[in-house]
Amino acid sequence: MTTRWTAVRVLRDRTAGRCLTAVVVSGFGTSALWLASGVWVKDLTGSDGLAALCPLAMWAPTLAGPLLGTLADRHRRRPLLIALSLFMAALLPTLCAVDAPGELWLLYAVLFVYGAAGTVHDAAESALVAGAVDRSLLGDFNGLRMTANEGMKLLAPLAGAGLYTAYGGSGVAVLDAASFLAAALVYVSLRVREERPARAREGGRSATAEGVRHLWGDPVLRPLVLAGGVTMLCAGVSGALTYAVVEDLGHSPAYAGVLYAVQGAGSVTVGLLPGPGLRRLGARRFAAYGIGLLAVAVALRAVPYDPVAWACAAAIGVGLPAALIAVLTGVQQRTPGPLLGRVTATANALVFTPNVVGLAAGAALVELIGHRPLLVVLGVALAVTAAVLGQRPASADRTAARSASDASPAW
C-alpha cells in the first residue's frame, strides 16, 4: 500500500477530514499565541528567562495529565470538545488587559488554563479519532495530523509576529479566540455515534492510576514512553534557549518566528512518513531515527550562523515528531476505548512532564552558563537515547503493526 494511497484513504474519511480541519483551525491560533506570548514578555521585561516561562505555563498542566484525562473517559468526547473550544474562545480576550509588566500574572494564568484545557482536549480528540478511523491507518492519520498541526508554523508564527507588531499581544489573543470558535463549529458538524460512558466503578484515584498501570505493563509502550520523556526533556531545555540563540545570531526576538516557520516546514515534509515507516521499521526504530536526527540538529544550534540555524530548525521539525507519533499511535492501537482518554493523557504526562522540567531548567541555566555548552550536552544525551532505543528488537512491533486492524491488535 503506497504512502499516497493510505493518505487518500484517511482524507476521504469524513470524520477524519473534519478532525484534521479542526486541528488546522485551532492550531493556527495556538501557534501564533505560543510565539507571541514569549515575544510579549521579552518586550515588556527584557528577560529571556521570563519569556521562557510562557511555554512552561502552557506545559505545566501535563503534570496532572492522568487526572485530567479521566474527564475525557467520563463524558462523550464530541460534546466535550465543543465545550472546551467555546470556553477558550471566551477566556482568551481577557488578555487584552495585559499591557505592563505588573499584569503579566494574568498572561501566565491564562496560559496555564490553556494548557489544562489542551490536555483534556488532546485526550478526548485522540479517543474520538481512535474510534472512528481504521486502526491500521492511525499512524497515517497521526502523521497527517502532525503535518496539519506543525504546518501551522509555516504561517501562524509569521502571521502572529506581524499581528503582534501591528496590534500587540491582544491582537494575537483575539485571533486565537476566533480560531477556537471556528474549531467548535467544526466539531458541531461532526456526525459520530458515541455511547454514553458507563458510570465509573472505581474512585478517581484508582481510575487515574489505571492509565499508568496499562502503560507501564505494556512491553511495547514502556520503552517508547521512556525514550519520549528523555527526548522531550532535552527538547524543553533546547526550546528555552531559543531567544538566546536568536540573540547570538544578532537578530531581534521576533526572528524566532522565522525559525519556527522553518521548523514547521520540516514537520510538513515528514507528515506522510509515519504510517509506512511504522509498518516497515517498527515503532522503536522509527522513533530512534527521529531522535538521532534531533540530536545532531540540537548540538549544531550552538553554531551562530544563519544557514546552520535554518538547517537545524528544519531537522528538528523532521526528527521530533517521529517519537511523538510513535507513542500516540501505539497508545491508540493498544488501549481499549473506555480507557483511551486517561491512557492518552497519562502517556502525554509521562512524555511532556519532562518537557516542563526542561523548560524550567533551561530558563535558569541560560542565565548561568550560556546556551552553547548546554546545546552540545543535549545533543550527546539525545544521541545516547537514540542508540539505546534503536538496539531494542523491532521485529515484534513491526509484525504487530501490520495486524493492527484486528479486533484485538497485537501491535
Foldseek 3Di string as FASTA:
>chain_A
DDLVVLLVVQCVQPQLVLLLVLLLLLLLLVVLLLLQQLLQLCVQPVALLVSLCLVLLLLVLLLCLLLLLLVLLQFQLLVLLLVLLLVLLVLLLVCVPDDHPVPCVSSSVNSNVNNSSVSNNVLSSLLVVLVRDQLLSLQLSVLSSLLSNLLSLQPRLVVSLVQCVVPNSSSSSNSSSVSSNVSSVSSVPDDDDDDRRDDDPDDSVVLSCVLVCVQCPDPQNVLLLVLLQLLLLLVLLLVSCLQVLCVLLVHRSSCSSVLSSLLSVLSNVQSSPRSVCCLVFNLLLQLLVLLLLLLVLLLQSLDNDVVSSSVSSSSPSNRSVSSVSSNSSVLSLQDDSSSRSSNNSNSCSSNSVSSSVSSNVNSVVCVPPNDNVSSNVSSVSSNVSSVVSNPDDRVQRSVQSVVSSDPNGRD
